[in-house]
Amino acid sequence: MIFLEYLLIALMVFAALLAVIFEEELISIICLSIFSFALTALYLLYKAPDVALTEAVIGSGLNTAIFMAAISQVRSGRKNHVSREDE
C-alpha cells in the first residue's frame, strides 16, 4: 500500500516536471492530465471516492478540455494575425 502511494506521488512529480519542461502546449496538457489521473488514484487509495470523482471530472476532463480549447483559439488567432499581416 505504501509502495503504491509512493509510486503515485513519484508519477505526479514526474508528470508535473514534464508539463513544465515541454514547450509544446499539447504535450504539457497531456502531462497535466496524467498528473490529475494519478491524483485521482491517490484519493481512491485514501478512501475518498467523492473527492476522487470530482478530481477525475474537473481535473482530468474539464481542465483538459478548457486548456485545449484555449490553445486552439490562440493558434487560430495567430493564423488570422499572420494572414492579415501578409495582406
Foldseek 3Di string as FASTA:
>chain_A
DVVLLVVLVVLLVVLCVQLVPDPDNLSNLVSQLSNLLSVLVNCVVVVNNVVSVVSNCVRNPVVSVVSVVVVVVVVVVVVVVVVVVVD
